[in-house]
């Protein structure tokens, strides 16, 4: 099962993880965000529904994703574009969209100000 972790991490933490991976230490698969606000901005309501739909579903067209969600194709296209730009979704060689993971783990800690 391929699992991706959505994580809040500083540039330094991300660099440390990269260096460990470069040295041969397995790190897992991460998509990192600099702040909870950025995470929630990028993966808000309808985009989270899209991500849930695509988790483990394999490649599909934007039109098919919109059909399964019961949403307008143009609105789903905008969400797909945002998720492609952040590297969360990927485009296949034949132009379909894909979230190539079977599960998503979200990891962050909210601290007192």
Protein backbone atom coordinates (compact mmCIF):
# COMPACT_ATOMS: atom_id res chain seq x y z
CA UNK A 1 0.00 0.00 0.00
CA UNK A 2 1.40 3.40 -1.00
CA UNK A 3 0.85 6.00 1.71
CA UNK A 4 1.64 9.70 1.44
CA UNK A 5 2.00 11.95 4.46
CA UNK A 6 0.83 15.56 4.24
CA UNK A 7 3.05 17.34 6.73
CA UNK A 8 3.71 20.80 8.07
CA UNK A 9 7.47 21.24 8.12
CA UNK A 10 10.01 24.01 8.00
CA UNK A 11 12.46 24.35 5.13
CA UNK A 12 15.19 23.09 7.49
CA UNK A 13 13.23 19.95 8.40
CA UNK A 14 12.49 19.26 4.76
CA UNK A 15 16.18 19.70 3.89
CA UNK A 16 17.21 17.31 6.71
CA UNK A 17 14.78 14.68 5.41
CA UNK A 18 16.14 15.18 1.88
CA UNK A 19 19.74 14.75 3.03
CA UNK A 20 18.87 11.57 4.95
CA UNK A 21 17.09 10.19 1.88
CA UNK A 22 20.10 11.14 -0.29
CA UNK A 23 22.30 9.20 2.17
CA UNK A 24 20.13 6.12 1.64
CA UNK A 25 17.85 6.31 4.69
CA UNK A 26 14.25 5.60 3.71
CA UNK A 27 12.04 8.56 4.62
CA UNK A 28 8.64 7.58 3.26
CA UNK A 29 6.62 9.76 0.91
CA UNK A 30 5.84 13.30 2.03
CA UNK A 31 4.15 16.35 0.62
CA UNK A 32 5.23 19.21 2.87
CA UNK A 33 3.62 22.56 3.59
CA UNK A 34 5.20 25.49 5.42
CA UNK A 35 2.11 26.24 7.52
CA UNK A 36 -1.29 24.79 8.43
CA UNK A 37 -2.85 27.80 6.71
CA UNK A 38 -1.18 26.88 3.42
CA UNK A 39 -2.25 23.24 3.76
CA UNK A 40 -5.85 24.25 4.44
CA UNK A 41 -5.81 26.82 1.63
CA UNK A 42 -4.66 24.26 -0.93
CA UNK A 43 -6.68 21.30 0.32
CA UNK A 44 -9.96 22.91 1.33
CA UNK A 45 -13.49 21.45 1.21
CA UNK A 46 -14.12 20.45 -2.39
CA UNK A 47 -10.45 19.73 -3.09
CA UNK A 48 -10.36 17.36 -0.10
CA UNK A 49 -13.41 15.56 -1.55
CA UNK A 50 -11.58 15.28 -4.88
CA UNK A 51 -8.50 13.89 -3.13
CA UNK A 52 -10.63 11.35 -1.25
CA UNK A 53 -12.27 10.28 -4.51
CA UNK A 54 -8.92 9.84 -6.26
CA UNK A 55 -7.14 8.00 -3.43
CA UNK A 56 -6.54 4.49 -4.75
CA UNK A 57 -8.84 5.06 -7.75
CA UNK A 58 -6.18 5.12 -10.47
CA UNK A 59 -5.96 7.56 -13.40
CA UNK A 60 -9.13 9.25 -14.62
CA UNK A 61 -10.24 12.19 -16.70
CA UNK A 62 -11.34 15.46 -15.14
CA UNK A 63 -14.78 14.86 -16.64
CA UNK A 64 -14.99 11.45 -14.91
CA UNK A 65 -13.91 12.95 -11.58
CA UNK A 66 -16.57 15.65 -11.94
CA UNK A 67 -19.20 13.03 -12.77
CA UNK A 68 -18.32 10.92 -9.72
CA UNK A 69 -18.39 13.99 -7.49
CA UNK A 70 -21.60 15.34 -9.00
CA UNK A 71 -19.89 18.66 -9.69
CA UNK A 72 -19.42 21.01 -12.62
CA UNK A 73 -16.48 20.07 -14.88
CA UNK A 74 -15.16 23.64 -14.94
CA UNK A 75 -15.08 23.84 -11.12
CA UNK A 76 -13.32 20.47 -10.85
CA UNK A 77 -10.85 21.58 -13.53
CA UNK A 78 -9.91 24.59 -11.36
CA UNK A 79 -9.36 22.34 -8.33
CA UNK A 80 -7.33 19.86 -10.39
CA UNK A 81 -5.15 22.68 -11.72
CA UNK A 82 -4.42 23.90 -8.18
CA UNK A 83 -3.56 20.37 -6.99
CA UNK A 84 -1.37 19.75 -10.06
CA UNK A 85 0.50 23.03 -9.45
CA UNK A 86 1.34 21.98 -5.89
CA UNK A 87 2.42 18.48 -6.94
CA UNK A 88 -0.37 16.67 -5.13
CA UNK A 89 -1.99 15.33 -8.29
CA UNK A 90 -0.03 14.09 -11.26
CA UNK A 91 -0.81 13.94 -14.96
CA UNK A 92 -0.23 10.65 -16.77
CA UNK A 93 1.43 10.39 -20.17
CA UNK A 94 -1.99 10.08 -21.82
CA UNK A 95 -3.35 13.22 -20.11
CA UNK A 96 -5.36 11.67 -17.29
CA UNK A 97 -5.07 12.89 -13.70
CA UNK A 98 -3.87 10.64 -10.89
CA UNK A 99 -3.27 10.61 -7.16
CA UNK A 100 -0.95 7.58 -7.03
CA UNK A 101 -1.51 6.68 -3.39
CA UNK A 102 -3.79 4.25 -1.57
CA UNK A 103 -3.91 6.24 1.66
CA UNK A 104 -3.25 9.73 3.03
CA UNK A 105 -1.87 10.49 6.47
CA UNK A 106 -2.03 14.11 7.68
CA UNK A 107 0.56 15.01 10.32
CA UNK A 108 0.91 18.31 12.16
CA UNK A 109 0.87 19.66 15.68
CA UNK A 110 -0.92 22.83 16.73
CA UNK A 111 1.08 24.63 19.45
CA UNK A 112 0.18 27.48 21.76
CA UNK A 113 1.12 30.90 20.39
